[in-house]
Protein backbone atom coordinates (compact mmCIF):
# COMPACT_ATOMS: atom_id res chain seq x y z
CA MET A 1 5.01 -22.92 -9.46
CA LYS A 2 6.76 -21.70 -6.34
CA LEU A 3 5.39 -19.81 -3.38
CA CYS A 4 7.02 -16.44 -2.85
CA TYR A 5 10.08 -16.33 -0.62
CA CYS A 6 8.61 -13.38 1.31
CA GLY A 7 6.01 -15.57 3.01
CA SER A 8 2.97 -13.83 1.58
CA GLY A 9 1.39 -17.12 0.55
CA HIS A 10 1.19 -15.93 -3.06
CA LEU A 11 3.10 -17.39 -5.98
CA PHE A 12 6.51 -15.81 -6.55
CA GLU A 13 5.56 -14.95 -10.13
CA ASP A 14 2.53 -13.00 -8.84
CA CYS A 15 4.18 -11.46 -5.79
CA CYS A 16 7.82 -10.28 -5.67
CA GLU A 17 9.10 -11.44 -9.05
CA PRO A 18 7.40 -8.62 -11.04
CA TYR A 19 9.10 -6.06 -8.76
CA ILE A 20 12.50 -7.76 -9.05
CA LYS A 21 12.15 -7.92 -12.85
CA ARG A 22 11.09 -4.24 -12.80
CA LYS A 23 7.72 -5.00 -14.42
CA ARG A 24 5.89 -3.37 -11.50
CA THR A 25 6.83 -0.87 -8.80
CA PRO A 26 6.35 -1.84 -5.15
CA PRO A 27 3.48 0.35 -3.88
CA THR A 28 4.57 0.41 -0.23
CA ALA A 29 7.72 0.28 1.87
CA GLU A 30 6.67 -3.15 3.12
CA SER A 31 6.22 -4.52 -0.40
CA LEU A 32 9.68 -3.20 -1.30
CA MET A 33 11.15 -4.80 1.83
CA ARG A 34 9.50 -8.14 1.00
CA SER A 35 10.80 -7.99 -2.57
CA ARG A 36 14.29 -7.16 -1.30
CA TYR A 37 14.17 -10.24 0.96
CA SER A 38 13.14 -12.32 -2.07
CA ALA A 39 16.00 -10.77 -4.05
CA TYR A 40 18.43 -11.93 -1.34
CA CYS A 41 16.92 -15.42 -1.63
CA ILE A 42 17.69 -15.54 -5.36
CA ALA A 43 20.90 -13.46 -5.06
CA ASN A 44 19.69 -10.67 -7.36
CA ALA A 45 22.22 -8.03 -6.30
CA ASP A 46 21.30 -5.60 -9.09
CA TYR A 47 17.78 -5.22 -7.69
CA LEU A 48 19.14 -4.75 -4.19
CA VAL A 49 21.59 -2.06 -5.30
CA ASN A 50 18.99 -0.29 -7.46
CA THR A 51 16.44 -0.21 -4.61
CA THR A 52 18.92 1.25 -2.12
CA HIS A 53 18.64 5.03 -1.79
CA ILE A 54 21.41 6.90 -3.57
CA SER A 55 22.39 8.65 -0.32
CA THR A 56 23.42 5.34 1.29
CA ARG A 57 24.14 3.13 -1.71
CA LYS A 58 27.92 3.44 -1.28
CA LEU A 59 27.56 1.77 2.15
CA TYR A 60 26.23 -1.42 0.53
CA PRO A 61 28.67 -2.51 -2.21
CA LYS A 62 27.37 -5.02 -4.71
CA SER A 63 30.18 -7.45 -3.86
CA SER A 64 29.09 -7.51 -0.19
CA ILE A 65 25.47 -8.06 -1.18
CA VAL A 66 26.42 -10.97 -3.46
CA ASP A 67 28.58 -12.49 -0.73
CA PHE A 68 25.84 -12.25 1.92
CA ALA A 69 23.13 -13.51 -0.41
CA THR A 70 25.06 -16.47 -1.80
CA ASN A 71 26.66 -17.56 1.47
CA SER A 72 23.31 -17.70 3.25
CA HIS A 73 20.43 -20.13 2.95
CA TRP A 74 17.35 -18.01 3.51
CA LEU A 75 14.60 -19.73 5.49
CA GLN A 76 11.84 -17.32 6.47
CA LEU A 77 10.81 -13.68 6.71
CA GLU A 78 8.78 -12.45 9.66
CA ILE A 79 7.33 -8.93 9.57
CA ILE A 80 7.10 -7.59 13.13
CA ALA A 81 5.62 -4.16 12.37
CA SER A 82 5.42 -1.64 9.57
CA THR A 83 4.49 1.97 9.09
CA GLU A 84 4.38 4.04 5.93
CA ASP A 85 8.18 4.33 5.81
CA THR A 86 9.57 1.72 8.25
CA VAL A 87 9.51 -2.06 8.43
CA GLU A 88 10.67 -4.06 11.43
CA PHE A 89 11.44 -7.65 10.49
CA LYS A 90 13.36 -10.80 11.25
CA ALA A 91 15.01 -12.76 8.44
CA PHE A 92 15.97 -16.29 9.41
CA TYR A 93 18.79 -18.01 7.57
CA LEU A 94 21.63 -20.49 7.80
CA ASP A 95 25.13 -19.11 7.35
CA LYS A 96 27.70 -20.96 5.24
CA SER A 97 28.60 -23.21 8.19
CA LEU A 98 24.85 -24.02 8.45
CA THR A 99 24.53 -22.23 11.78
CA PRO A 100 21.04 -20.73 12.29
CA GLN A 101 21.07 -16.92 12.27
CA VAL A 102 18.50 -14.14 12.61
CA HIS A 103 18.88 -10.76 10.94
CA TYR A 104 16.65 -8.47 13.05
CA GLU A 105 16.27 -4.95 11.71
CA LYS A 106 14.02 -1.93 11.66
CA SER A 107 14.50 -0.54 8.15
CA ASN A 108 13.90 3.01 6.99
CA PHE A 109 12.55 3.70 3.52
CA LYS A 110 12.06 6.81 1.42
CA LYS A 111 9.72 7.40 -1.50
CA GLU A 112 11.02 9.54 -4.36
CA GLU A 113 9.35 10.13 -7.71
CA GLY A 114 6.93 7.26 -7.10
CA ASN A 115 9.61 4.72 -6.11
CA TRP A 116 10.42 3.36 -2.66
CA TYR A 117 14.06 2.96 -1.62
CA TYR A 118 15.78 1.30 1.32
CA VAL A 119 17.77 3.96 3.21
CA ASP A 120 19.22 2.30 6.30
CA GLY A 121 18.29 0.28 9.34
CA GLU A 122 18.69 -0.21 13.05
CA TYR A 123 19.93 -3.69 13.92
CA PHE A 124 18.87 -5.54 17.06
């Protein structure tokens, strides 16, 4: 049994995995963001593409997602703040040369027909 990548303290199988496997729908923007981080950790590009809003999906090609996910060793997720439709976070990782990196973003989300989608983000 493995703790969830998102840092919730829950088991992966009880936390983000059901969202990634499409067995449950993330109820909040933050839960979607956490599951997307976990999807990067396991390089599940299909989930990442499918949870990106259709209006911005073309900006995030699957090949780029796979490249970023597989060439990074994800270390930790830190949620800074969240509202109903935004999540500010830091994702710590090692790049392929094993140099420590921080992806710092305030993400925007949109709920349509009961599903949350990542729209875009402001990078710091």
